[in-house]
Amino acid sequence: WIDVLTGKMQKYKATFESLDALFDEAIAEHLTLKMEDNHS
């Protein structure tokens, strides 16, 4: 429970959520490009 009081758990979760959003964005971009069928 000390890690919750010190805010450490919240920091870990904030980092994860930001990175997860970054990866979701990258995957969405690639799916869009794939639909455009850019073979080059």
PDB file of all heavy atoms in Angstrom:
ATOM      1  N   TRP A   1       0.820  -1.221   0.000  1.00  0.00           N
ATOM      2  CA  TRP A   1       0.000   0.000   0.000  1.00  0.00           C
ATOM      3  C   TRP A   1       0.852   1.268   0.000  1.00  0.00           C
ATOM      4  O   TRP A   1       0.394   2.334  -0.408  1.00  0.00           O
ATOM      5  CB  TRP A   1      -0.914   0.003   1.234  1.00  0.00           C
ATOM      6  CG  TRP A   1      -0.207  -0.275   2.532  1.00  0.00           C
ATOM      7  CD1 TRP A   1      -0.001  -1.489   3.111  1.00  0.00           C
ATOM      8  CD2 TRP A   1       0.410   0.688   3.403  1.00  0.00           C
ATOM      9  NE1 TRP A   1       0.708  -1.357   4.297  1.00  0.00           N
ATOM     10  CE2 TRP A   1       0.957  -0.029   4.500  1.00  0.00           C
ATOM     11  CE3 TRP A   1       0.539   2.073   3.377  1.00  0.00           C
ATOM     12  CZ2 TRP A   1       1.632   0.605   5.540  1.00  0.00           C
ATOM     13  CZ3 TRP A   1       1.213   2.705   4.414  1.00  0.00           C
ATOM     14  CH2 TRP A   1       1.750   1.970   5.483  1.00  0.00           C
ATOM     15  N   ILE A   2       2.122   1.143   0.426  1.00  0.00           N
ATOM     16  CA  ILE A   2       3.015   2.313   0.436  1.00  0.00           C
ATOM     17  C   ILE A   2       3.219   2.832  -0.988  1.00  0.00           C
ATOM     18  O   ILE A   2       3.301   4.049  -1.222  1.00  0.00           O
ATOM     19  CB  ILE A   2       4.360   1.956   1.092  1.00  0.00           C
ATOM     20  CG1 ILE A   2       4.162   1.680   2.583  1.00  0.00           C
ATOM     21  CG2 ILE A   2       5.387   3.067   0.879  1.00  0.00           C
ATOM     22  CD1 ILE A   2       5.424   1.239   3.305  1.00  0.00           C
ATOM     23  N   ASP A   3       3.300   1.913  -1.963  1.00  0.00           N
ATOM     24  CA  ASP A   3       3.517   2.320  -3.356  1.00  0.00           C
ATOM     25  C   ASP A   3       2.330   3.106  -3.904  1.00  0.00           C
ATOM     26  O   ASP A   3       2.488   3.920  -4.800  1.00  0.00           O
ATOM     27  CB  ASP A   3       3.765   1.081  -4.224  1.00  0.00           C
ATOM     28  CG  ASP A   3       5.011   0.323  -3.813  1.00  0.00           C
ATOM     29  OD1 ASP A   3       6.040   0.975  -3.601  1.00  0.00           O
ATOM     30  OD2 ASP A   3       4.946  -0.915  -3.688  1.00  0.00           O
ATOM     31  N   VAL A   4       1.159   2.856  -3.357  1.00  0.00           N
ATOM     32  CA  VAL A   4      -0.020   3.624  -3.757  1.00  0.00           C
ATOM     33  C   VAL A   4       0.042   5.019  -3.144  1.00  0.00           C
ATOM     34  O   VAL A   4      -0.200   6.032  -3.819  1.00  0.00           O
ATOM     35  CB  VAL A   4      -1.318   2.905  -3.329  1.00  0.00           C
ATOM     36  CG1 VAL A   4      -2.532   3.743  -3.702  1.00  0.00           C
ATOM     37  CG2 VAL A   4      -1.396   1.525  -3.977  1.00  0.00           C
ATOM     38  N   LEU A   5       0.404   5.078  -1.866  1.00  0.00           N
ATOM     39  CA  LEU A   5       0.477   6.375  -1.186  1.00  0.00           C
ATOM     40  C   LEU A   5       1.534   7.283  -1.795  1.00  0.00           C
ATOM     41  O   LEU A   5       1.352   8.497  -1.872  1.00  0.00           O
ATOM     42  CB  LEU A   5       0.765   6.160   0.303  1.00  0.00           C
ATOM     43  CG  LEU A   5      -0.358   5.530   1.150  1.00  0.00           C
ATOM     44  CD1 LEU A   5       0.075   5.440   2.612  1.00  0.00           C
ATOM     45  CD2 LEU A   5      -1.644   6.357   1.048  1.00  0.00           C
ATOM     46  N   THR A   6       2.673   6.704  -2.202  1.00  0.00           N
ATOM     47  CA  THR A   6       3.763   7.520  -2.769  1.00  0.00           C
ATOM     48  C   THR A   6       3.513   7.904  -4.225  1.00  0.00           C
ATOM     49  O   THR A   6       4.272   8.689  -4.802  1.00  0.00           O
ATOM     50  CB  THR A   6       5.097   6.764  -2.680  1.00  0.00           C
ATOM     51  OG1 THR A   6       4.992   5.523  -3.391  1.00  0.00           O
ATOM     52  CG2 THR A   6       5.476   6.490  -1.233  1.00  0.00           C
ATOM     53  N   GLY A   7       2.476   7.330  -4.835  1.00  0.00           N
ATOM     54  CA  GLY A   7       2.156   7.660  -6.221  1.00  0.00           C
ATOM     55  C   GLY A   7       2.897   6.832  -7.251  1.00  0.00           C
ATOM     56  O   GLY A   7       2.766   7.057  -8.460  1.00  0.00           O
ATOM     57  N   LYS A   8       3.685   5.857  -6.790  1.00  0.00           N
ATOM     58  CA  LYS A   8       4.492   5.072  -7.721  1.00  0.00           C
ATOM     59  C   LYS A   8       3.625   4.240  -8.668  1.00  0.00           C
ATOM     60  O   LYS A   8       3.894   4.163  -9.869  1.00  0.00           O
ATOM     61  CB  LYS A   8       5.443   4.175  -6.933  1.00  0.00           C
ATOM     62  CG  LYS A   8       6.506   3.509  -7.772  1.00  0.00           C
ATOM     63  CD  LYS A   8       7.708   3.084  -6.930  1.00  0.00           C
ATOM     64  CE  LYS A   8       8.564   4.267  -6.539  1.00  0.00           C
ATOM     65  NZ  LYS A   8       9.842   3.883  -5.930  1.00  0.00           N
ATOM     66  N   MET A   9       2.571   3.629  -8.119  1.00  0.00           N
ATOM     67  CA  MET A   9       1.686   2.809  -8.958  1.00  0.00           C
ATOM     68  C   MET A   9       1.001   3.666 -10.024  1.00  0.00           C
ATOM     69  O   MET A   9       0.861   3.244 -11.184  1.00  0.00           O
ATOM     70  CB  MET A   9       0.635   2.119  -8.087  1.00  0.00           C
ATOM     71  CG  MET A   9       1.216   1.179  -7.040  1.00  0.00           C
ATOM     72  SD  MET A   9       2.108  -0.199  -7.782  1.00  0.00           S
ATOM     73  CE  MET A   9       0.771  -1.091  -8.520  1.00  0.00           C
ATOM     74  N   GLN A  10       0.607   4.868  -9.637  1.00  0.00           N
ATOM     75  CA  GLN A  10      -0.047   5.755 -10.598  1.00  0.00           C
ATOM     76  C   GLN A  10       0.907   6.147 -11.725  1.00  0.00           C
ATOM     77  O   GLN A  10       0.496   6.266 -12.891  1.00  0.00           O
ATOM     78  CB  GLN A  10      -0.560   7.011  -9.882  1.00  0.00           C
ATOM     79  CG  GLN A  10      -1.698   6.735  -8.885  1.00  0.00           C
ATOM     80  CD  GLN A  10      -1.191   6.451  -7.473  1.00  0.00           C
ATOM     81  OE1 GLN A  10      -0.204   5.747  -7.292  1.00  0.00           O
ATOM     82  NE2 GLN A  10      -1.871   7.025  -6.474  1.00  0.00           N
ATOM     83  N   LYS A  11       2.188   6.345 -11.379  1.00  0.00           N
ATOM     84  CA  LYS A  11       3.177   6.692 -12.408  1.00  0.00           C
ATOM     85  C   LYS A  11       3.358   5.543 -13.400  1.00  0.00           C
ATOM     86  O   LYS A  11       3.441   5.759 -14.614  1.00  0.00           O
ATOM     87  CB  LYS A  11       4.511   7.038 -11.751  1.00  0.00           C
ATOM     88  CG  LYS A  11       4.523   8.374 -11.028  1.00  0.00           C
ATOM     89  CD  LYS A  11       5.892   8.643 -10.405  1.00  0.00           C
ATOM     90  CE  LYS A  11       5.900   9.971  -9.662  1.00  0.00           C
ATOM     91  NZ  LYS A  11       7.221  10.232  -9.004  1.00  0.00           N
ATOM     92  N   TYR A  12       3.453   4.318 -12.881  1.00  0.00           N
ATOM     93  CA  TYR A  12       3.595   3.158 -13.760  1.00  0.00           C
ATOM     94  C   TYR A  12       2.407   3.072 -14.724  1.00  0.00           C
ATOM     95  O   TYR A  12       2.570   2.851 -15.928  1.00  0.00           O
ATOM     96  CB  TYR A  12       3.671   1.864 -12.952  1.00  0.00           C
ATOM     97  CG  TYR A  12       4.881   1.720 -12.053  1.00  0.00           C
ATOM     98  CD1 TYR A  12       4.934   0.729 -11.079  1.00  0.00           C
ATOM     99  CD2 TYR A  12       5.987   2.556 -12.176  1.00  0.00           C
ATOM    100  CE1 TYR A  12       6.033   0.574 -10.249  1.00  0.00           C
ATOM    101  CE2 TYR A  12       7.092   2.424 -11.354  1.00  0.00           C
ATOM    102  CZ  TYR A  12       7.108   1.423 -10.384  1.00  0.00           C
ATOM    103  OH  TYR A  12       8.190   1.273  -9.565  1.00  0.00           O
ATOM    104  N   LYS A  13       1.202   3.245 -14.160  1.00  0.00           N
ATOM    105  CA  LYS A  13      -0.005   3.124 -14.984  1.00  0.00           C
ATOM    106  C   LYS A  13      -0.094   4.246 -16.012  1.00  0.00           C
ATOM    107  O   LYS A  13      -0.540   4.026 -17.150  1.00  0.00           O
ATOM    108  CB  LYS A  13      -1.237   3.106 -14.093  1.00  0.00           C
ATOM    109  CG  LYS A  13      -1.351   1.827 -13.263  1.00  0.00           C
ATOM    110  CD  LYS A  13      -2.514   1.876 -12.286  1.00  0.00           C
ATOM    111  CE  LYS A  13      -2.571   0.608 -11.441  1.00  0.00           C
ATOM    112  NZ  LYS A  13      -3.656   0.651 -10.422  1.00  0.00           N
ATOM    113  N   ALA A  14       0.357   5.447 -15.637  1.00  0.00           N
ATOM    114  CA  ALA A  14       0.331   6.577 -16.581  1.00  0.00           C
ATOM    115  C   ALA A  14       1.291   6.333 -17.739  1.00  0.00           C
ATOM    116  O   ALA A  14       0.968   6.614 -18.906  1.00  0.00           O
ATOM    117  CB  ALA A  14       0.684   7.873 -15.857  1.00  0.00           C
ATOM    118  N   THR A  15       2.468   5.808 -17.441  1.00  0.00           N
ATOM    119  CA  THR A  15       3.432   5.487 -18.492  1.00  0.00           C
ATOM    120  C   THR A  15       2.870   4.425 -19.424  1.00  0.00           C
ATOM    121  O   THR A  15       2.960   4.535 -20.652  1.00  0.00           O
ATOM    122  CB  THR A  15       4.755   4.995 -17.877  1.00  0.00           C
ATOM    123  OG1 THR A  15       5.323   6.030 -17.062  1.00  0.00           O
ATOM    124  CG2 THR A  15       5.762   4.623 -18.962  1.00  0.00           C
ATOM    125  N   PHE A  16       2.271   3.387 -18.826  1.00  0.00           N
ATOM    126  CA  PHE A  16       1.693   2.314 -19.652  1.00  0.00           C
ATOM    127  C   PHE A  16       0.596   2.850 -20.564  1.00  0.00           C
ATOM    128  O   PHE A  16       0.552   2.523 -21.760  1.00  0.00           O
ATOM    129  CB  PHE A  16       1.126   1.208 -18.755  1.00  0.00           C
ATOM    130  CG  PHE A  16       0.259   0.239 -19.509  1.00  0.00           C
ATOM    131  CD1 PHE A  16       0.834  -0.715 -20.333  1.00  0.00           C
ATOM    132  CD2 PHE A  16      -1.121   0.310 -19.430  1.00  0.00           C
ATOM    133  CE1 PHE A  16       0.044  -1.598 -21.062  1.00  0.00           C
ATOM    134  CE2 PHE A  16      -1.919  -0.565 -20.143  1.00  0.00           C
ATOM    135  CZ  PHE A  16      -1.332  -1.528 -20.964  1.00  0.00           C
ATOM    136  N   GLU A  17      -0.295   3.650 -20.024  1.00  0.00           N
ATOM    137  CA  GLU A  17      -1.413   4.159 -20.826  1.00  0.00           C
ATOM    138  C   GLU A  17      -0.920   5.018 -21.988  1.00  0.00           C
ATOM    139  O   GLU A  17      -1.466   4.942 -23.098  1.00  0.00           O
ATOM    140  CB  GLU A  17      -2.368   4.956 -19.936  1.00  0.00           C
ATOM    141  CG  GLU A  17      -3.165   4.075 -18.972  1.00  0.00           C
ATOM    142  CD  GLU A  17      -3.892   4.868 -17.897  1.00  0.00           C
ATOM    143  OE1 GLU A  17      -3.800   6.122 -17.929  1.00  0.00           O
ATOM    144  OE2 GLU A  17      -4.536   4.247 -17.036  1.00  0.00           O
ATOM    145  N   SER A  18       0.128   5.812 -21.757  1.00  0.00           N
ATOM    146  CA  SER A  18       0.675   6.652 -22.837  1.00  0.00           C
ATOM    147  C   SER A  18       1.308   5.798 -23.927  1.00  0.00           C
ATOM    148  O   SER A  18       1.125   6.050 -25.121  1.00  0.00           O
ATOM    149  CB  SER A  18       1.696   7.634 -22.266  1.00  0.00           C
ATOM    150  OG  SER A  18       1.095   8.544 -21.379  1.00  0.00           O
ATOM    151  N   LEU A  19       2.075   4.782 -23.510  1.00  0.00           N
ATOM    152  CA  LEU A  19       2.715   3.913 -24.494  1.00  0.00           C
ATOM    153  C   LEU A  19       1.681   3.063 -25.228  1.00  0.00           C
ATOM    154  O   LEU A  19       1.795   2.842 -26.440  1.00  0.00           O
ATOM    155  CB  LEU A  19       3.740   3.013 -23.803  1.00  0.00           C
ATOM    156  CG  LEU A  19       5.103   3.657 -23.560  1.00  0.00           C
ATOM    157  CD1 LEU A  19       5.942   2.804 -22.623  1.00  0.00           C
ATOM    158  CD2 LEU A  19       5.840   3.875 -24.870  1.00  0.00           C
ATOM    159  N   ASP A  20       0.681   2.594 -24.510  1.00  0.00           N
ATOM    160  CA  ASP A  20      -0.370   1.796 -25.145  1.00  0.00           C
ATOM    161  C   ASP A  20      -1.079   2.612 -26.217  1.00  0.00           C
ATOM    162  O   ASP A  20      -1.366   2.106 -27.313  1.00  0.00           O
ATOM    163  CB  ASP A  20      -1.359   1.329 -24.078  1.00  0.00           C
ATOM    164  CG  ASP A  20      -2.380   0.355 -24.621  1.00  0.00           C
ATOM    165  OD1 ASP A  20      -1.971  -0.707 -25.132  1.00  0.00           O
ATOM    166  OD2 ASP A  20      -3.585   0.665 -24.550  1.00  0.00           O
ATOM    167  N   ALA A  21      -1.320   3.882 -25.924  1.00  0.00           N
ATOM    168  CA  ALA A  21      -1.951   4.768 -26.913  1.00  0.00           C
ATOM    169  C   ALA A  21      -1.031   4.976 -28.120  1.00  0.00           C
ATOM    170  O   ALA A  21      -1.494   5.026 -29.271  1.00  0.00           O
ATOM    171  CB  ALA A  21      -2.297   6.111 -26.266  1.00  0.00           C
ATOM    172  N   LEU A  22       0.280   5.084 -27.868  1.00  0.00           N
ATOM    173  CA  LEU A  22       1.252   5.245 -28.948  1.00  0.00           C
ATOM    174  C   LEU A  22       1.236   4.036 -29.876  1.00  0.00           C
ATOM    175  O   LEU A  22       1.227   4.174 -31.105  1.00  0.00           O
ATOM    176  CB  LEU A  22       2.647   5.438 -28.357  1.00  0.00           C
ATOM    177  CG  LEU A  22       3.796   5.593 -29.355  1.00  0.00           C
ATOM    178  CD1 LEU A  22       3.760   6.961 -30.007  1.00  0.00           C
ATOM    179  CD2 LEU A  22       5.142   5.387 -28.665  1.00  0.00           C
ATOM    180  N   PHE A  23       1.201   2.833 -29.292  1.00  0.00           N
ATOM    181  CA  PHE A  23       1.184   1.616 -30.103  1.00  0.00           C
ATOM    182  C   PHE A  23      -0.130   1.473 -30.860  1.00  0.00           C
ATOM    183  O   PHE A  23      -0.146   1.049 -32.022  1.00  0.00           O
ATOM    184  CB  PHE A  23       1.423   0.388 -29.219  1.00  0.00           C
ATOM    185  CG  PHE A  23       2.782   0.363 -28.571  1.00  0.00           C
ATOM    186  CD1 PHE A  23       2.957  -0.189 -27.320  1.00  0.00           C
ATOM    187  CD2 PHE A  23       3.882   0.882 -29.211  1.00  0.00           C
ATOM    188  CE1 PHE A  23       4.194  -0.216 -26.713  1.00  0.00           C
ATOM    189  CE2 PHE A  23       5.138   0.875 -28.630  1.00  0.00           C
ATOM    190  CZ  PHE A  23       5.297   0.318 -27.376  1.00  0.00           C
ATOM    191  N   ASP A  24      -1.240   1.810 -30.205  1.00  0.00           N
ATOM    192  CA  ASP A  24      -2.538   1.766 -30.887  1.00  0.00           C
ATOM    193  C   ASP A  24      -2.539   2.697 -32.097  1.00  0.00           C
ATOM    194  O   ASP A  24      -3.058   2.358 -33.176  1.00  0.00           O
ATOM    195  CB  ASP A  24      -3.664   2.170 -29.924  1.00  0.00           C
ATOM    196  CG  ASP A  24      -4.094   1.025 -29.008  1.00  0.00           C
ATOM    197  OD1 ASP A  24      -3.900  -0.142 -29.393  1.00  0.00           O
ATOM    198  OD2 ASP A  24      -4.607   1.311 -27.916  1.00  0.00           O
ATOM    199  N   GLU A  25      -1.959   3.866 -31.910  1.00  0.00           N
ATOM    200  CA  GLU A  25      -1.880   4.852 -33.002  1.00  0.00           C
ATOM    201  C   GLU A  25      -1.044   4.314 -34.154  1.00  0.00           C
ATOM    202  O   GLU A  25      -1.425   4.431 -35.327  1.00  0.00           O
ATOM    203  CB  GLU A  25      -1.268   6.138 -32.445  1.00  0.00           C
ATOM    204  CG  GLU A  25      -1.094   7.253 -33.446  1.00  0.00           C
ATOM    205  CD  GLU A  25      -0.373   8.445 -32.825  1.00  0.00           C
ATOM    206  OE1 GLU A  25      -0.829   8.929 -31.764  1.00  0.00           O
ATOM    207  OE2 GLU A  25       0.647   8.873 -33.382  1.00  0.00           O
ATOM    208  N   ALA A  26       0.103   3.689 -33.821  1.00  0.00           N
ATOM    209  CA  ALA A  26       0.972   3.148 -34.864  1.00  0.00           C
ATOM    210  C   ALA A  26       0.288   2.012 -35.620  1.00  0.00           C
ATOM    211  O   ALA A  26       0.374   1.925 -36.857  1.00  0.00           O
ATOM    212  CB  ALA A  26       2.280   2.647 -34.239  1.00  0.00           C
ATOM    213  N   ILE A  27      -0.411   1.135 -34.903  1.00  0.00           N
ATOM    214  CA  ILE A  27      -1.112   0.017 -35.546  1.00  0.00           C
ATOM    215  C   ILE A  27      -2.222   0.533 -36.454  1.00  0.00           C
ATOM    216  O   ILE A  27      -2.399   0.051 -37.585  1.00  0.00           O
ATOM    217  CB  ILE A  27      -1.658  -0.948 -34.477  1.00  0.00           C
ATOM    218  CG1 ILE A  27      -0.503  -1.657 -33.774  1.00  0.00           C
ATOM    219  CG2 ILE A  27      -2.605  -1.967 -35.104  1.00  0.00           C
ATOM    220  CD1 ILE A  27      -0.914  -2.454 -32.551  1.00  0.00           C
ATOM    221  N   ALA A  28      -2.975   1.533 -35.980  1.00  0.00           N
ATOM    222  CA  ALA A  28      -4.053   2.114 -36.787  1.00  0.00           C
ATOM    223  C   ALA A  28      -3.498   2.741 -38.070  1.00  0.00           C
ATOM    224  O   ALA A  28      -4.078   2.586 -39.163  1.00  0.00           O
ATOM    225  CB  ALA A  28      -4.810   3.159 -35.975  1.00  0.00           C
ATOM    226  N   GLU A  29      -2.364   3.436 -37.971  1.00  0.00           N
ATOM    227  CA  GLU A  29      -1.729   4.034 -39.150  1.00  0.00           C
ATOM    228  C   GLU A  29      -1.356   2.966 -40.169  1.00  0.00           C
ATOM    229  O   GLU A  29      -1.550   3.140 -41.381  1.00  0.00           O
ATOM    230  CB  GLU A  29      -0.486   4.817 -38.729  1.00  0.00           C
ATOM    231  CG  GLU A  29      -0.769   6.127 -38.017  1.00  0.00           C
ATOM    232  CD  GLU A  29       0.506   6.818 -37.569  1.00  0.00           C
ATOM    233  OE1 GLU A  29       1.605   6.243 -37.765  1.00  0.00           O
ATOM    234  OE2 GLU A  29       0.416   7.933 -37.023  1.00  0.00           O
ATOM    235  N   HIS A  30      -0.813   1.849 -39.685  1.00  0.00           N
ATOM    236  CA  HIS A  30      -0.385   0.789 -40.591  1.00  0.00           C
ATOM    237  C   HIS A  30      -1.573   0.097 -41.253  1.00  0.00           C
ATOM    238  O   HIS A  30      -1.495  -0.279 -42.429  1.00  0.00           O
ATOM    239  CB  HIS A  30       0.475  -0.230 -39.836  1.00  0.00           C
ATOM    240  CG  HIS A  30       1.877   0.234 -39.620  1.00  0.00           C
ATOM    241  ND1 HIS A  30       2.202   1.261 -38.761  1.00  0.00           N
ATOM    242  CD2 HIS A  30       3.050  -0.192 -40.163  1.00  0.00           C
ATOM    243  CE1 HIS A  30       3.513   1.442 -38.785  1.00  0.00           C
ATOM    244  NE2 HIS A  30       4.054   0.578 -39.623  1.00  0.00           N
ATOM    245  N   LEU A  31      -2.665  -0.059 -40.522  1.00  0.00           N
ATOM    246  CA  LEU A  31      -3.856  -0.670 -41.118  1.00  0.00           C
ATOM    247  C   LEU A  31      -4.432   0.230 -42.209  1.00  0.00           C
ATOM    248  O   LEU A  31      -4.898  -0.250 -43.254  1.00  0.00           O
ATOM    249  CB  LEU A  31      -4.896  -0.933 -40.026  1.00  0.00           C
ATOM    250  CG  LEU A  31      -4.548  -2.055 -39.037  1.00  0.00           C
ATOM    251  CD1 LEU A  31      -5.561  -2.106 -37.904  1.00  0.00           C
ATOM    252  CD2 LEU A  31      -4.480  -3.403 -39.759  1.00  0.00           C
ATOM    253  N   THR A  32      -4.367   1.548 -41.985  1.00  0.00           N
ATOM    254  CA  THR A  32      -4.832   2.498 -42.999  1.00  0.00           C
ATOM    255  C   THR A  32      -3.971   2.428 -44.250  1.00  0.00           C
ATOM    256  O   THR A  32      -4.472   2.392 -45.386  1.00  0.00           O
ATOM    257  CB  THR A  32      -4.827   3.936 -42.435  1.00  0.00           C
ATOM    258  OG1 THR A  32      -5.679   4.008 -41.293  1.00  0.00           O
ATOM    259  CG2 THR A  32      -5.282   4.935 -43.485  1.00  0.00           C
ATOM    260  N   LEU A  33      -2.639   2.405 -44.042  1.00  0.00           N
ATOM    261  CA  LEU A  33      -1.716   2.318 -45.179  1.00  0.00           C
ATOM    262  C   LEU A  33      -1.905   1.015 -45.944  1.00  0.00           C
ATOM    263  O   LEU A  33      -1.774   0.974 -47.167  1.00  0.00           O
ATOM    264  CB  LEU A  33      -0.271   2.431 -44.689  1.00  0.00           C
ATOM    265  CG  LEU A  33       0.163   3.810 -44.195  1.00  0.00           C
ATOM    266  CD1 LEU A  33       1.533   3.732 -43.518  1.00  0.00           C
ATOM    267  CD2 LEU A  33       0.212   4.797 -45.362  1.00  0.00           C
ATOM    268  N   LYS A  34      -2.215  -0.043 -45.198  1.00  0.00           N
ATOM    269  CA  LYS A  34      -2.426  -1.335 -45.848  1.00  0.00           C
ATOM    270  C   LYS A  34      -3.652  -1.291 -46.751  1.00  0.00           C
ATOM    271  O   LYS A  34      -3.656  -1.856 -47.854  1.00  0.00           O
ATOM    272  CB  LYS A  34      -2.585  -2.423 -44.793  1.00  0.00           C
ATOM    273  CG  LYS A  34      -2.670  -3.814 -45.378  1.00  0.00           C
ATOM    274  CD  LYS A  34      -2.758  -4.856 -44.286  1.00  0.00           C
ATOM    275  CE  LYS A  34      -2.851  -6.239 -44.919  1.00  0.00           C
ATOM    276  NZ  LYS A  34      -2.998  -7.305 -43.908  1.00  0.00           N
ATOM    277  N   MET A  35      -4.684  -0.620 -46.303  1.00  0.00           N
ATOM    278  CA  MET A  35      -5.901  -0.478 -47.117  1.00  0.00           C
ATOM    279  C   MET A  35      -5.625   0.312 -48.386  1.00  0.00           C
ATOM    280  O   MET A  35      -6.246   0.089 -49.430  1.00  0.00           O
ATOM    281  CB  MET A  35      -7.001   0.193 -46.305  1.00  0.00           C
ATOM    282  CG  MET A  35      -7.542  -0.676 -45.171  1.00  0.00           C
ATOM    283  SD  MET A  35      -8.782   0.180 -44.176  1.00  0.00           S
ATOM    284  CE  MET A  35     -10.082   0.423 -45.384  1.00  0.00           C
ATOM    285  N   GLU A  36      -4.660   1.227 -48.308  1.00  0.00           N
ATOM    286  CA  GLU A  36      -4.290   2.004 -49.490  1.00  0.00           C
ATOM    287  C   GLU A  36      -3.413   1.205 -50.442  1.00  0.00           C
ATOM    288  O   GLU A  36      -3.096   1.659 -51.547  1.00  0.00           O
ATOM    289  CB  GLU A  36      -3.554   3.278 -49.058  1.00  0.00           C
ATOM    290  CG  GLU A  36      -4.442   4.231 -48.243  1.00  0.00           C
ATOM    291  CD  GLU A  36      -3.663   5.402 -47.674  1.00  0.00           C
ATOM    292  OE1 GLU A  36      -2.417   5.425 -47.872  1.00  0.00           O
ATOM    293  OE2 GLU A  36      -4.271   6.276 -47.040  1.00  0.00           O
ATOM    294  N   ASP A  37      -2.959   0.019 -49.965  1.00  0.00           N
ATOM    295  CA  ASP A  37      -2.192  -0.915 -50.808  1.00  0.00           C
ATOM    296  C   ASP A  37      -0.922  -0.268 -51.365  1.00  0.00           C
ATOM    297  O   ASP A  37      -0.654  -0.292 -52.559  1.00  0.00           O
ATOM    298  CB  ASP A  37      -3.071  -1.413 -51.962  1.00  0.00           C
ATOM    299  CG  ASP A  37      -2.519  -2.709 -52.563  1.00  0.00           C
ATOM    300  OD1 ASP A  37      -1.789  -3.414 -51.839  1.00  0.00           O
ATOM    301  OD2 ASP A  37      -2.802  -2.978 -53.737  1.00  0.00           O
ATOM    302  N   ASN A  38      -0.130   0.304 -50.459  1.00  0.00           N
ATOM    303  CA  ASN A  38       1.118   0.961 -50.854  1.00  0.00           C
ATOM    304  C   ASN A  38       2.263  -0.052 -50.815  1.00  0.00           C
ATOM    305  O   ASN A  38       2.868  -0.295 -49.779  1.00  0.00           O
ATOM    306  CB  ASN A  38       1.402   2.130 -49.896  1.00  0.00           C
ATOM    307  CG  ASN A  38       2.605   2.934 -50.333  1.00  0.00           C
ATOM    308  OD1 ASN A  38       3.319   2.568 -51.274  1.00  0.00           O
ATOM    309  ND2 ASN A  38       2.835   4.040 -49.646  1.00  0.00           N
ATOM    310  N   HIS A  39       2.544  -0.703 -51.950  1.00  0.00           N
ATOM    311  CA  HIS A  39       3.553  -1.765 -51.998  1.00  0.00           C
ATOM    312  C   HIS A  39       4.979  -1.230 -51.999  1.00  0.00           C
ATOM    313  O   HIS A  39       5.927  -1.968 -51.753  1.00  0.00           O
ATOM    314  CB  HIS A  39       3.342  -2.641 -53.241  1.00  0.00           C
ATOM    315  CG  HIS A  39       2.053  -3.394 -53.220  1.00  0.00           C
ATOM    316  ND1 HIS A  39       1.796  -4.419 -52.329  1.00  0.00           N
ATOM    317  CD2 HIS A  39       0.919  -3.259 -53.982  1.00  0.00           C
ATOM    318  CE1 HIS A  39       0.574  -4.906 -52.542  1.00  0.00           C
ATOM    319  NE2 HIS A  39       0.020  -4.213 -53.533  1.00  0.00           N
ATOM    320  N   SER A  40       5.142   0.045 -52.309  1.00  0.00           N
ATOM    321  CA  SER A  40       6.496   0.604 -52.401  1.00  0.00           C
ATOM    322  C   SER A  40       7.119   0.853 -51.040  1.00  0.00           C
ATOM    323  O   SER A  40       8.331   0.992 -50.913  1.00  0.00           O
ATOM    324  CB  SER A  40       6.467   1.916 -53.195  1.00  0.00           C
ATOM    325  OG  SER A  40       5.673   2.885 -52.524  1.00  0.00           O
TER     326      SER A  40
END
